Protein backbone atom coordinates (compact mmCIF):
# COMPACT_ATOMS: atom_id res chain seq x y z
CA UNK A 1 15.81 2.61 -12.86
CA UNK A 2 15.13 -1.11 -13.07
CA UNK A 3 12.00 -1.90 -15.07
CA UNK A 4 10.12 -4.69 -13.32
CA UNK A 5 6.79 -4.87 -15.17
CA UNK A 6 6.31 -3.91 -18.80
CA UNK A 7 2.76 -3.74 -20.14
CA UNK A 8 2.47 -3.21 -23.88
CA UNK A 9 -0.68 -2.48 -25.92
CA UNK A 10 -2.82 -4.66 -23.67
CA UNK A 11 -6.31 -5.15 -25.08
CA UNK A 12 -9.17 -7.39 -24.01
CA UNK A 13 -12.81 -6.83 -24.91
CA UNK A 14 -15.91 -8.61 -23.64
CA UNK A 15 -19.36 -8.91 -25.17
CA UNK A 16 -20.85 -6.54 -22.60
CA UNK A 17 -18.59 -3.73 -23.87
CA UNK A 18 -16.25 -3.87 -20.89
CA UNK A 19 -12.56 -4.61 -20.96
CA UNK A 20 -9.35 -2.71 -21.61
CA UNK A 21 -8.07 -0.97 -24.71
CA UNK A 22 -4.40 -0.54 -25.68
CA UNK A 23 -2.90 -0.13 -22.20
CA UNK A 24 0.86 0.42 -22.01
CA UNK A 25 2.65 0.94 -18.71
CA UNK A 26 6.07 0.50 -17.08
CA UNK A 27 6.53 -0.26 -13.38
CA UNK A 28 9.95 0.21 -11.78
CA UNK A 29 11.69 -1.45 -8.85
CA UNK A 30 10.46 -0.06 -5.52
CA UNK A 31 7.33 1.50 -7.00
CA UNK A 32 4.12 1.40 -5.02
CA UNK A 33 1.98 1.84 -8.11
CA UNK A 34 -1.69 2.72 -7.72
CA UNK A 35 -4.03 1.63 -10.51
CA UNK A 36 -6.94 3.98 -9.86
CA UNK A 37 -10.34 3.83 -11.49
CA UNK A 38 -14.05 3.34 -10.78
CA UNK A 39 -15.66 -0.09 -10.62
CA UNK A 40 -15.93 -1.53 -14.14
CA UNK A 41 -13.04 0.58 -15.49
CA UNK A 42 -10.98 -2.51 -16.42
CA UNK A 43 -8.66 -2.82 -13.41
CA UNK A 44 -9.40 -6.47 -12.61
CA UNK A 45 -9.26 -7.47 -16.28
CA UNK A 46 -5.77 -5.97 -16.58
CA UNK A 47 -4.61 -7.64 -13.37
CA UNK A 48 -5.99 -11.04 -14.37
CA UNK A 49 -3.98 -10.77 -17.59
CA UNK A 50 -0.90 -9.71 -15.60
CA UNK A 51 -1.18 -12.84 -13.45
CA UNK A 52 -1.98 -15.25 -16.28
CA UNK A 53 -5.61 -15.84 -15.32
CA UNK A 54 -6.95 -14.37 -18.58
CA UNK A 55 -5.38 -14.21 -22.04
CA UNK A 56 -5.39 -10.84 -23.78
CA UNK A 57 -6.83 -10.33 -27.27
CA UNK A 58 -3.72 -8.32 -28.05
CA UNK A 59 -0.56 -7.13 -26.32
CA UNK A 60 1.63 -8.64 -23.65
CA UNK A 61 2.89 -8.29 -20.08
CA UNK A 62 6.50 -8.95 -19.15
CA UNK A 63 7.66 -9.37 -15.56
CA UNK A 64 11.44 -9.28 -15.09
CA UNK A 65 11.67 -9.57 -18.88
CA UNK A 66 9.62 -12.77 -19.11
CA UNK A 67 6.33 -12.83 -21.01
CA UNK A 68 3.41 -13.89 -18.81
CA UNK A 69 1.68 -15.57 -21.74
CA UNK A 70 4.75 -17.37 -23.14
CA UNK A 71 7.00 -17.97 -20.10
CA UNK A 72 4.45 -18.05 -17.31
CA UNK A 73 6.47 -19.91 -14.66
CA UNK A 74 9.56 -17.73 -15.07
CA UNK A 75 7.46 -14.55 -15.17
CA UNK A 76 5.58 -15.46 -11.98
CA UNK A 77 8.49 -16.98 -10.07
CA UNK A 78 8.98 -13.91 -7.86
CA UNK A 79 5.39 -12.62 -7.85
CA UNK A 80 2.84 -12.71 -5.04
CA UNK A 81 -0.77 -11.76 -5.77
CA UNK A 82 -4.26 -11.39 -4.43
CA UNK A 83 -6.92 -11.04 -7.14
CA UNK A 84 -10.55 -10.51 -6.15
CA UNK A 85 -11.47 -12.74 -3.16
CA UNK A 86 -9.04 -14.04 -0.53
CA UNK A 87 -9.54 -17.83 -0.28
CA UNK A 88 -8.51 -19.99 2.68
CA UNK A 89 -9.02 -23.46 4.17
CA UNK A 90 -11.93 -22.79 6.54
CA UNK A 91 -11.08 -25.51 9.08
CA UNK A 92 -7.41 -24.61 9.40
CA UNK A 93 -6.04 -21.83 11.58
CA UNK A 94 -4.39 -18.74 10.13
CA UNK A 95 -0.97 -20.26 10.90
CA UNK A 96 -1.91 -23.66 9.40
CA UNK A 97 -3.24 -22.00 6.24
CA UNK A 98 0.10 -20.28 5.69
CA UNK A 99 2.00 -23.46 6.64
CA UNK A 100 0.17 -25.28 3.82
CA UNK A 101 1.20 -22.58 1.38
CA UNK A 102 4.79 -22.60 2.70
CA UNK A 103 5.22 -26.17 1.40
CA UNK A 104 5.67 -24.64 -2.08
CA UNK A 105 8.51 -22.42 -0.86
CA UNK A 106 11.52 -24.23 0.66
CA UNK A 107 12.93 -21.03 2.19
CA UNK A 108 9.76 -20.11 4.11
CA UNK A 109 10.00 -21.22 7.75
CA UNK A 110 7.76 -20.80 10.82
CA UNK A 111 9.56 -17.57 11.67
CA UNK A 112 8.50 -16.05 8.32
CA UNK A 113 4.90 -17.20 8.85
CA UNK A 114 4.82 -15.43 12.22
CA UNK A 115 6.43 -12.37 10.62
CA UNK A 116 3.71 -11.97 7.95
CA UNK A 117 0.98 -12.63 10.53
CA UNK A 118 2.52 -9.82 12.60
CA UNK A 119 2.74 -7.54 9.54
CA UNK A 120 -0.92 -8.06 8.68
CA UNK A 121 -2.14 -7.71 12.29
CA UNK A 122 -3.21 -11.35 12.59
CA UNK A 123 -0.60 -12.67 15.04
CA UNK A 124 -3.04 -12.69 17.98
CA UNK A 125 -5.46 -14.78 15.90
CA UNK A 126 -2.81 -17.18 14.51
CA UNK A 127 -4.43 -20.28 16.09
CA UNK A 128 -8.04 -19.40 15.23
CA UNK A 129 -9.77 -21.20 12.37
CA UNK A 130 -10.37 -18.98 9.38
CA UNK A 131 -14.08 -19.95 9.21
CA UNK A 132 -14.53 -17.68 12.26
CA UNK A 133 -12.85 -14.74 10.52
CA UNK A 134 -14.65 -11.59 9.41
CA UNK A 135 -14.31 -10.44 5.80
CA UNK A 136 -11.55 -8.04 6.85
CA UNK A 137 -9.60 -10.76 8.68
CA UNK A 138 -9.88 -13.07 5.66
CA UNK A 139 -8.52 -10.22 3.56
CA UNK A 140 -5.59 -9.81 5.97
CA UNK A 141 -4.87 -13.56 5.69
CA UNK A 142 -4.95 -13.32 1.89
CA UNK A 143 -2.46 -10.45 2.05
CA UNK A 144 -0.23 -12.45 4.41
CA UNK A 145 -0.28 -15.29 1.87
CA UNK A 146 0.59 -12.89 -0.97
CA UNK A 147 3.80 -11.70 0.73
CA UNK A 148 4.76 -14.99 2.45
CA UNK A 149 7.47 -16.06 -0.01
CA UNK A 150 9.24 -12.66 0.01
CA UNK A 151 8.17 -11.98 -3.60
CA UNK A 152 9.92 -9.19 -5.47
CA UNK A 153 6.61 -8.07 -6.98
CA UNK A 154 3.20 -8.08 -5.29
CA UNK A 155 0.03 -7.57 -7.36
CA UNK A 156 -3.03 -6.70 -5.28
CA UNK A 157 -6.55 -6.18 -6.63
CA UNK A 158 -8.55 -3.94 -4.26
CA UNK A 159 -6.51 -5.07 -1.21
CA UNK A 160 -8.35 -2.79 1.23
CA UNK A 161 -11.80 -4.27 0.48
CA UNK A 162 -13.56 -5.31 3.66
CA UNK A 163 -10.97 -3.73 5.95
CA UNK A 164 -11.88 -1.33 8.73
CA UNK A 165 -9.86 1.84 9.35
CA UNK A 166 -7.39 0.03 11.60
CA UNK A 167 -6.95 -2.68 8.97
CA UNK A 168 -6.30 -0.14 6.23
CA UNK A 169 -3.62 1.53 8.38
CA UNK A 170 -2.00 -1.86 9.14
CA UNK A 171 -1.86 -2.83 5.46
CA UNK A 172 -0.50 0.58 4.42
CA UNK A 173 2.26 0.16 7.01
CA UNK A 174 2.97 -3.35 5.73
CA UNK A 175 3.27 -2.16 2.13
CA UNK A 176 5.66 0.65 3.08
CA UNK A 177 7.67 -1.62 5.36
CA UNK A 178 8.17 -4.30 2.68
CA UNK A 179 9.10 -1.68 0.08
CA UNK A 180 11.76 -0.28 2.40
CA UNK A 181 13.13 -3.50 3.94
CA UNK A 182 12.71 -6.08 1.16
CA UNK A 183 12.67 -3.70 -1.84
CA UNK A 184 9.30 -5.16 -2.86
CA UNK A 185 7.51 -3.56 -5.82
CA UNK A 186 3.73 -3.21 -5.44
CA UNK A 187 1.04 -2.92 -8.12
CA UNK A 188 -2.23 -2.08 -6.40
CA UNK A 189 -5.64 -1.48 -7.93
CA UNK A 190 -8.27 0.50 -6.07
CA UNK A 191 -11.32 2.73 -6.45
CA UNK A 192 -10.63 4.27 -3.02
CA UNK A 193 -9.05 7.61 -3.91
CA UNK A 194 -8.00 8.58 -0.39
CA UNK A 195 -6.19 5.30 0.25
CA UNK A 196 -4.34 5.36 -3.06
CA UNK A 197 -3.22 8.91 -2.23
CA UNK A 198 -1.87 7.80 1.17
CA UNK A 199 -0.30 4.53 0.00
CA UNK A 200 1.10 4.87 -3.52
CA UNK A 201 4.19 6.61 -4.91
CA UNK A 202 2.99 6.60 -8.55
CA UNK A 203 -0.57 6.59 -9.85
CA UNK A 204 -2.16 5.62 -13.14
CA UNK A 205 -5.76 6.58 -13.87
CA UNK A 206 -7.85 4.07 -15.83
CA UNK A 207 -11.30 5.03 -17.08
CA UNK A 208 -13.57 3.22 -19.55
CA UNK A 209 -10.85 0.66 -20.19
CA UNK A 210 -8.24 3.26 -21.17
CA UNK A 211 -5.18 4.59 -19.36
CA UNK A 212 -5.61 8.34 -19.06
CA UNK A 213 -2.35 9.32 -17.40
CA UNK A 214 0.48 8.19 -15.09
CA UNK A 215 2.10 10.58 -12.64
CA UNK A 216 4.01 10.56 -9.33
CA UNK A 217 1.89 11.18 -6.23
CA UNK A 218 4.26 13.97 -5.23
CA UNK A 219 3.67 15.85 -8.52
CA UNK A 220 -0.09 15.28 -8.37
CA UNK A 221 -0.39 16.69 -4.84
CA UNK A 222 1.87 19.61 -5.69
CA UNK A 223 -0.22 20.57 -8.73
CA UNK A 224 -3.73 19.55 -7.68
CA UNK A 225 -3.66 19.51 -3.83
CA UNK A 226 -5.64 16.25 -3.73
CA UNK A 227 -5.79 13.08 -5.80
CA UNK A 228 -9.54 13.57 -6.16
CA UNK A 229 -9.01 16.91 -7.92
CA UNK A 230 -6.49 15.25 -10.25
CA UNK A 231 -8.78 12.31 -11.00
CA UNK A 232 -11.74 14.55 -11.83
CA UNK A 233 -9.52 16.76 -13.99
CA UNK A 234 -8.12 13.78 -15.94
CA UNK A 235 -11.56 12.27 -16.50
CA UNK A 236 -12.98 15.61 -17.65
CA UNK A 237 -10.03 16.18 -19.96
CA UNK A 238 -9.73 12.69 -21.43
CA UNK A 239 -12.24 10.30 -20.12
CA UNK A 240 -15.76 11.25 -20.92
CA UNK A 241 -15.60 10.02 -24.47
CA UNK A 242 -16.99 6.70 -25.72
CA UNK A 243 -14.34 4.01 -25.64
CA UNK A 244 -13.76 2.10 -28.86
CA UNK A 245 -14.50 -1.13 -27.00
CA UNK A 246 -17.88 0.06 -25.71
């Protein structure tokens, strides 16, 4: 299996006791990896380090063999991401927002813009200004931007935030479709257990800044019936101990 993301001994601590402690993880081509943990568990910190927004105290992330901290441009060349809030130009339409972004990618044409608007359920709103969009529609536009350039890896921090049920179904379909048709690898953080269970092929549980376990969704459901049972079991077994960075 082709290793796409390699996370080694990643550590970052903050004054408030939050952060991550010695996280190591491998993500393989075609994975839809779910990074599952409660709010404050360290998911966003890890993903900010993965995308070069924060420097770790210790450890490193490699994407396609390139270190994010030392070879940022090469590491991020084939990566699309949405971390925290989806930003857009308020007075431009959905289509115009993506057209602005497409200027950075010579191979992205109008056909591709329409394609990602279709994938994210925004095609019927393509000519509406984003200032009129609901939180969920802004999130859809952010997701369209993340996959616009046909990235080989997509890193999404809580991508289902603000989406209604229909939106969640649309985005799940999009993730599966891109994995199958473009062999995209996804790294998705979430605290929504049910959605991780329905979307992801492999799942890593993070709690108190520590990785507790990584397992395939198939194995989890076979042994525990639901992801919730597995999560509770892992936290009871490993998690309810003070973290060394607390």
